[in-house]
Amino acid sequence: MNRSIPIPHRFSLRWLTYCMLLFITLQACQSSNKSDTQATQADSSRPESMSIAEDTLSKLQSKLRVGESLTLGAVYTDTVSFVDVNDDGDYFLLHVKKTKDTVGLLYDGSYDFVRGDKLAIQWKIDSIRPAGDPDFLHFTERLLSASVVKPFKLQPRSVKFLWHEERFMEEYDATVSTIVLDEGYVANISDPEKAALGYVATFIGNECAWDGKATPNRSNLKCKILTALDLGYQCSNTHLGFLRHWFRSDSTALKKLESCPTIPDGSTIQETFDKIDLKVDGNEIIVAYTIVSINTREGKSWTWDVKDHFRFHNNRLELVKTERSEPAAADFEVSDSDS
């Protein structure tokens, strides 16, 4: 006898199949809606971000190409005048001038140019992220190559660079002999002439005084000639760095610069300039000067003439000869400041 055993809550096969199909459909719809939402969000943000980038790139400009819209990464060629370099920041910059505008280009490696050299340069607009602000994208000029097409040439001249004049000084309530410089000449001085005068001024006093209170390492001595030549404090990195670059092939001059003195005016024994004349003849710079040495304790002074001959070649300077006269001695009376 056959008996059928009933199964409680039994579902029909048709009903079970229907439920499974419904579940699959719902899952597919949910996934589809999620994808559509993501796609919509991406599509809505993409035109805005792309329009910002395109707008920025369409406005890329440079003072090397005034009024011209530039293309990121395209290589441009221009003729410019070399100015100087700045290696003190996060990026090395080589400054050049085109017409009246000076532009700093990112560059890698060393250079061997003189201010006034005419250069043929290849450059491009590059993107960088400044140090300390990696989220900011900046566009600037980058140097790819540079070559001299017209080298700087010394111009013949004779200059009375330094002399003394009697001038009334309010701070002393007296008329004193004061150093005077040819400021018009200084404003247009070439770098080789600047290096020659800076070298000579390194070892002779020229109204040097502490800028405020003297620092423990004597690093704030301000001298009249170095200040006029924009070389900073006596024996500073600005001062010695400039001279070491120019005299980089002159081992004798480099050795002498290692003993850079820091002697302020008013010392018991000191030397100062009475006059300085400069002459440029071909590739030679001749600096002729008179030195006065004073010993206030003994009431004695000595005066002699010096003529330094510098040679300019291969974009550097060399002291090739020094002529020196015999010192002429003299006595003087030291006035009593309390009288």
Protein backbone atom coordinates (compact mmCIF):
# COMPACT_ATOMS: atom_id res chain seq x y z
CA MET A 1 0.00 0.00 0.00
CA ASN A 2 1.45 3.21 -1.07
CA ARG A 3 1.17 6.25 1.16
CA SER A 4 2.06 9.84 0.26
CA ILE A 5 3.80 11.79 3.00
CA PRO A 6 2.67 15.45 3.02
CA ILE A 7 5.42 18.17 3.26
CA PRO A 8 4.30 21.18 5.29
CA HIS A 9 4.47 24.63 3.65
CA ARG A 10 5.54 23.09 0.39
CA PHE A 11 6.09 25.60 -2.51
CA SER A 12 5.36 24.83 -6.03
CA LEU A 13 8.29 24.73 -8.46
CA ARG A 14 6.71 27.47 -10.50
CA TRP A 15 6.53 29.81 -7.49
CA LEU A 16 10.14 29.09 -6.50
CA THR A 17 11.39 29.83 -10.01
CA TYR A 18 9.46 33.09 -10.06
CA CYS A 19 11.07 34.25 -6.78
CA MET A 20 14.54 33.46 -7.99
CA LEU A 21 14.04 35.39 -11.21
CA LEU A 22 12.66 38.36 -9.27
CA PHE A 23 15.69 38.43 -6.94
CA ILE A 24 18.15 38.35 -9.85
CA THR A 25 16.29 41.15 -11.61
CA LEU A 26 16.30 43.36 -8.51
CA GLN A 27 20.05 42.89 -8.04
CA ALA A 28 20.73 43.73 -11.66
CA CYS A 29 18.62 46.88 -11.44
CA GLN A 30 20.43 48.01 -8.28
CA SER A 31 23.84 47.52 -9.88
CA SER A 32 22.73 49.30 -13.01
CA ASN A 33 21.42 52.29 -11.03
CA LYS A 34 24.68 52.50 -9.06
CA SER A 35 26.76 52.45 -12.25
CA ASP A 36 24.52 55.03 -13.88
CA THR A 37 24.90 57.30 -10.82
CA GLN A 38 28.71 57.00 -10.85
CA ALA A 39 28.81 57.63 -14.58
CA THR A 40 26.58 60.67 -14.18
CA GLN A 41 28.82 62.05 -11.43
CA ALA A 42 31.96 61.47 -13.51
CA ASP A 43 30.40 63.00 -16.58
CA SER A 44 29.21 66.04 -14.63
CA SER A 45 32.68 66.71 -13.14
CA ARG A 46 34.74 65.89 -16.22
CA PRO A 47 33.72 68.87 -18.38
CA GLU A 48 34.44 71.29 -15.49
CA SER A 49 37.92 69.92 -14.69
CA MET A 50 38.80 69.65 -18.36
CA SER A 51 37.60 73.19 -19.03
CA ILE A 52 39.80 74.54 -16.21
CA ALA A 53 42.87 72.74 -17.57
CA GLU A 54 42.17 73.79 -21.12
CA ASP A 55 41.55 77.37 -20.03
CA THR A 56 44.85 77.47 -18.14
CA LEU A 57 46.83 75.95 -20.99
CA SER A 58 45.32 78.35 -23.49
CA LYS A 59 46.65 81.28 -21.43
CA LEU A 60 50.29 80.15 -21.13
CA GLN A 61 52.51 83.17 -21.76
CA SER A 62 56.07 84.38 -21.28
CA LYS A 63 57.87 87.73 -21.40
CA LEU A 64 60.16 86.05 -23.90
CA ARG A 65 57.21 85.94 -26.31
CA VAL A 66 55.01 88.90 -25.35
CA GLY A 67 51.44 88.62 -26.64
CA GLU A 68 51.91 85.07 -27.93
CA SER A 69 49.88 82.08 -26.69
CA LEU A 70 52.26 79.24 -25.91
CA THR A 71 51.91 75.47 -25.97
CA LEU A 72 52.95 73.30 -23.04
CA GLY A 73 56.10 71.35 -23.94
CA ALA A 74 56.70 73.05 -27.30
CA VAL A 75 60.33 74.09 -27.90
CA TYR A 76 61.04 77.77 -28.65
CA THR A 77 64.25 79.48 -29.82
CA ASP A 78 65.17 83.07 -28.93
CA THR A 79 68.17 85.39 -28.75
CA VAL A 80 68.65 87.03 -25.35
CA SER A 81 71.26 88.74 -23.17
CA PHE A 82 72.65 86.88 -20.17
CA VAL A 83 72.12 88.67 -16.82
CA ASP A 84 73.04 86.33 -13.97
CA VAL A 85 72.05 83.19 -12.09
CA ASN A 86 70.34 82.61 -8.75
CA ASP A 87 71.13 79.31 -7.05
CA ASP A 88 69.87 80.28 -3.58
CA GLY A 89 66.26 79.08 -3.86
CA ASP A 90 64.52 75.74 -4.31
CA TYR A 91 65.12 75.97 -8.05
CA PHE A 92 68.17 77.19 -9.99
CA LEU A 93 67.27 80.18 -12.14
CA LEU A 94 69.22 81.60 -15.08
CA HIS A 95 68.17 85.20 -15.74
CA VAL A 96 68.18 86.58 -19.25
CA LYS A 97 66.91 89.80 -20.78
CA LYS A 98 64.95 90.27 -23.97
CA THR A 99 64.16 93.90 -24.86
CA LYS A 100 63.38 95.44 -21.44
CA ASP A 101 62.12 92.35 -19.64
CA THR A 102 64.20 90.04 -17.44
CA VAL A 103 63.07 86.40 -17.22
CA GLY A 104 64.25 83.62 -14.94
CA LEU A 105 64.41 80.16 -16.53
CA LEU A 106 64.77 76.92 -14.63
CA TYR A 107 68.11 75.35 -15.51
CA ASP A 108 70.24 72.38 -14.57
CA GLY A 109 74.00 72.24 -14.28
CA SER A 110 76.75 74.85 -14.45
CA TYR A 111 77.10 77.91 -16.63
CA ASP A 112 80.01 79.86 -18.11
CA PHE A 113 78.47 83.10 -19.33
CA VAL A 114 79.26 86.74 -18.65
CA ARG A 115 76.66 89.43 -18.10
CA GLY A 116 76.25 90.99 -21.52
CA ASP A 117 76.79 87.79 -23.55
CA LYS A 118 74.28 87.37 -26.38
CA LEU A 119 72.83 83.85 -26.15
CA ALA A 120 70.81 81.64 -28.46
CA ILE A 121 68.54 79.66 -26.16
CA GLN A 122 66.07 76.84 -26.58
CA TRP A 123 63.38 76.66 -23.93
CA LYS A 124 59.90 75.41 -23.20
CA ILE A 125 57.01 75.97 -20.82
CA ASP A 126 57.15 73.29 -18.15
CA SER A 127 54.96 72.41 -15.17
CA ILE A 128 56.34 72.24 -11.63
CA ARG A 129 54.93 71.78 -8.16
CA PRO A 130 56.60 74.28 -5.81
CA ALA A 131 58.31 72.87 -2.73
CA GLY A 132 56.01 73.07 0.28
CA ASP A 133 52.86 73.24 -1.85
CA PRO A 134 52.67 69.99 -3.88
CA ASP A 135 48.96 70.49 -4.63
CA PHE A 136 49.66 73.65 -6.64
CA LEU A 137 50.66 73.20 -10.28
CA HIS A 138 52.72 76.07 -11.67
CA PHE A 139 53.82 76.71 -15.25
CA THR A 140 57.16 78.40 -15.97
CA GLU A 141 60.02 78.65 -18.47
CA ARG A 142 62.68 75.91 -18.50
CA LEU A 143 66.02 76.27 -20.30
CA LEU A 144 66.91 73.38 -22.60
CA SER A 145 70.14 74.71 -24.14
CA ALA A 146 72.14 77.91 -24.46
CA SER A 147 75.10 78.95 -26.59
CA VAL A 148 76.97 82.24 -27.01
CA VAL A 149 76.36 83.95 -30.36
CA LYS A 150 78.05 87.25 -29.45
CA PRO A 151 80.42 87.26 -26.47
CA PHE A 152 80.70 90.20 -24.08
CA LYS A 153 83.59 92.53 -24.87
CA LEU A 154 85.27 95.03 -22.56
CA GLN A 155 84.89 98.63 -23.69
CA PRO A 156 87.91 100.99 -23.52
CA ARG A 157 87.60 103.58 -20.75
CA SER A 158 89.45 105.55 -18.08
CA VAL A 159 87.60 106.22 -14.85
CA LYS A 160 88.34 108.17 -11.69
CA PHE A 161 86.54 105.73 -9.40
CA LEU A 162 87.40 106.95 -5.88
CA TRP A 163 88.69 110.20 -4.41
CA HIS A 164 88.42 112.22 -1.17
CA GLU A 165 86.42 115.38 -0.49
CA GLU A 166 86.11 117.54 2.62
CA ARG A 167 82.49 117.33 3.73
CA PHE A 168 80.60 118.45 6.81
CA MET A 169 79.30 115.49 8.83
CA GLU A 170 76.39 116.31 11.14
CA GLU A 171 76.94 113.21 13.29
CA TYR A 172 80.45 114.47 14.11
CA ASP A 173 79.63 118.20 13.89
CA ALA A 174 82.84 118.60 11.91
CA THR A 175 84.25 118.73 8.40
CA VAL A 176 86.02 115.48 7.55
CA SER A 177 87.75 113.93 4.57
CA THR A 178 85.20 111.56 3.01
CA ILE A 179 85.48 108.87 0.32
CA VAL A 180 83.52 109.71 -2.83
CA LEU A 181 82.70 107.19 -5.61
CA ASP A 182 81.68 107.73 -9.23
CA GLU A 183 78.09 106.50 -8.86
CA GLY A 184 77.29 106.94 -12.56
CA TYR A 185 80.09 104.56 -13.48
CA VAL A 186 79.03 102.04 -10.80
CA ALA A 187 75.49 101.98 -12.22
CA ASN A 188 76.81 100.70 -15.58
CA ILE A 189 79.88 98.74 -14.49
CA SER A 190 80.70 95.44 -16.18
CA ASP A 191 81.20 92.31 -14.10
CA PRO A 192 84.94 91.96 -14.88
CA GLU A 193 85.56 95.57 -13.77
CA LYS A 194 83.37 94.95 -10.71
CA ALA A 195 85.45 91.88 -9.85
CA ALA A 196 88.74 93.76 -10.24
CA LEU A 197 87.62 96.62 -7.98
CA GLY A 198 86.01 94.21 -5.52
CA TYR A 199 89.24 92.23 -5.25
CA VAL A 200 91.33 95.35 -4.61
CA ALA A 201 88.81 96.66 -2.04
CA THR A 202 88.85 93.36 -0.13
CA PHE A 203 92.24 94.04 1.46
CA ILE A 204 92.18 97.82 2.04
CA GLY A 205 89.83 99.76 4.32
CA ASN A 206 87.18 101.94 2.70
CA GLU A 207 85.03 103.44 5.44
CA CYS A 208 84.14 100.07 6.91
CA ALA A 209 81.88 99.99 9.98
CA TRP A 210 79.74 97.41 11.77
CA ASP A 211 76.13 97.42 10.64
CA GLY A 212 74.73 97.73 14.17
CA LYS A 213 76.54 95.75 16.84
CA ALA A 214 79.34 93.48 15.68
CA THR A 215 78.24 89.84 15.48
CA PRO A 216 80.34 87.16 17.23
CA ASN A 217 81.65 85.92 13.85
CA ARG A 218 82.28 89.47 12.55
CA SER A 219 79.91 88.87 9.63
CA ASN A 220 78.23 92.30 9.43
CA LEU A 221 81.06 94.65 8.45
CA LYS A 222 79.72 97.14 5.91
CA CYS A 223 82.27 98.74 3.58
CA LYS A 224 81.61 101.62 1.21
CA ILE A 225 83.01 100.09 -1.99
CA LEU A 226 81.49 96.63 -1.55
CA THR A 227 78.11 98.20 -0.74
CA ALA A 228 78.26 100.35 -3.88
CA LEU A 229 79.17 97.28 -5.95
CA ASP A 230 76.26 95.32 -4.42
CA LEU A 231 78.58 92.67 -2.97
CA GLY A 232 77.16 92.61 0.56
CA TYR A 233 79.15 92.58 3.79
CA GLN A 234 82.91 92.23 3.91
CA CYS A 235 83.91 88.54 3.62
CA SER A 236 80.27 87.44 3.17
CA ASN A 237 79.25 84.60 0.85
CA THR A 238 77.97 87.20 -1.62
CA HIS A 239 81.30 89.03 -1.61
CA LEU A 240 83.68 86.07 -1.69
CA GLY A 241 81.44 83.87 -3.84
CA PHE A 242 81.42 86.48 -6.62
CA LEU A 243 85.20 86.92 -6.50
CA ARG A 244 85.92 83.18 -6.31
CA HIS A 245 83.83 82.65 -9.43
CA TRP A 246 85.72 85.31 -11.36
CA PHE A 247 89.18 84.26 -10.14
CA ARG A 248 88.42 80.53 -10.34
CA SER A 249 91.56 79.88 -12.46
CA ASP A 250 93.88 82.11 -10.41
CA SER A 251 95.18 79.97 -7.55
CA THR A 252 97.21 82.85 -6.04
CA ALA A 253 94.19 85.15 -5.86
CA LEU A 254 92.00 82.38 -4.43
CA LYS A 255 94.60 81.68 -1.76
CA LYS A 256 94.74 85.35 -0.77
CA LEU A 257 90.94 85.52 -0.49
CA GLU A 258 91.13 82.86 2.23
CA SER A 259 92.60 85.57 4.50
CA CYS A 260 89.77 88.06 4.04
CA PRO A 261 90.20 90.75 6.77
CA THR A 262 87.43 92.33 8.86
CA ILE A 263 88.98 95.55 10.21
CA PRO A 264 86.62 98.47 10.91
CA ASP A 265 87.56 102.14 10.71
CA GLY A 266 88.99 103.49 13.94
CA SER A 267 91.47 100.67 14.52
CA THR A 268 94.87 101.70 15.87
CA ILE A 269 96.59 100.45 12.71
CA GLN A 270 94.66 100.63 9.49
CA GLU A 271 94.97 101.21 5.75
CA THR A 272 92.65 103.16 3.50
CA PHE A 273 92.44 104.40 -0.08
CA ASP A 274 93.39 107.93 -1.02
CA LYS A 275 92.32 107.44 -4.64
CA ILE A 276 91.46 104.70 -7.19
CA ASP A 277 91.63 105.02 -10.97
CA LEU A 278 90.58 102.32 -13.43
CA LYS A 279 91.55 101.87 -17.06
CA VAL A 280 90.34 99.30 -19.60
CA ASP A 281 92.71 98.60 -22.48
CA GLY A 282 91.81 95.67 -24.73
CA ASN A 283 91.36 92.64 -22.49
CA GLU A 284 93.30 94.26 -19.62
CA ILE A 285 91.85 96.06 -16.59
CA ILE A 286 94.36 98.23 -14.73
CA VAL A 287 93.46 99.42 -11.24
CA ALA A 288 95.83 102.14 -9.96
CA TYR A 289 95.43 103.27 -6.35
CA THR A 290 97.14 105.12 -3.54
CA ILE A 291 97.17 103.60 -0.04
CA VAL A 292 97.60 105.48 3.22
CA SER A 293 98.57 103.41 6.27
CA ILE A 294 98.18 104.98 9.73
CA ASN A 295 99.45 104.02 13.17
CA THR A 296 97.61 106.35 15.55
CA ARG A 297 99.47 105.09 18.60
CA GLU A 298 102.84 106.08 17.18
CA GLY A 299 101.62 109.07 15.15
CA LYS A 300 103.11 107.73 11.93
CA SER A 301 101.76 107.25 8.40
CA TRP A 302 102.99 105.70 5.17
CA THR A 303 101.80 106.34 1.63
CA TRP A 304 102.52 104.29 -1.51
CA ASP A 305 101.11 103.66 -4.97
CA VAL A 306 99.97 100.31 -6.39
CA LYS A 307 98.98 99.29 -9.89
CA ASP A 308 97.26 95.91 -10.40
CA HIS A 309 96.98 94.45 -13.91
CA PHE A 310 94.06 92.06 -14.46
CA ARG A 311 93.56 90.00 -17.62
CA PHE A 312 90.07 89.11 -18.84
CA HIS A 313 89.90 85.92 -20.91
CA ASN A 314 87.74 82.81 -21.15
CA ASN A 315 85.04 84.54 -19.10
CA ARG A 316 87.28 84.84 -16.04
CA LEU A 317 89.79 87.19 -14.47
CA GLU A 318 93.45 86.78 -13.51
CA LEU A 319 95.80 89.11 -11.64
CA VAL A 320 98.87 88.99 -13.87
CA LYS A 321 101.09 91.75 -12.45
CA THR A 322 101.35 94.16 -9.50
CA GLU A 323 103.52 97.27 -9.48
CA ARG A 324 104.24 98.92 -6.11
CA SER A 325 106.18 102.05 -5.16
CA GLU A 326 108.30 102.46 -2.06
CA PRO A 327 106.34 103.78 0.96
CA ALA A 328 106.81 107.43 1.90
CA ALA A 329 106.78 107.86 5.70
CA ALA A 330 105.51 110.85 7.65
CA ASP A 331 104.78 111.86 11.24
CA PHE A 332 101.59 113.45 12.47
CA GLU A 333 100.17 114.64 15.78
CA VAL A 334 97.21 112.86 17.29
CA SER A 335 94.71 115.39 18.63
CA ASP A 336 93.35 114.97 22.13
CA SER A 337 89.66 114.18 21.74
CA ASP A 338 88.95 115.47 25.26
CA SER A 339 90.43 118.93 24.65
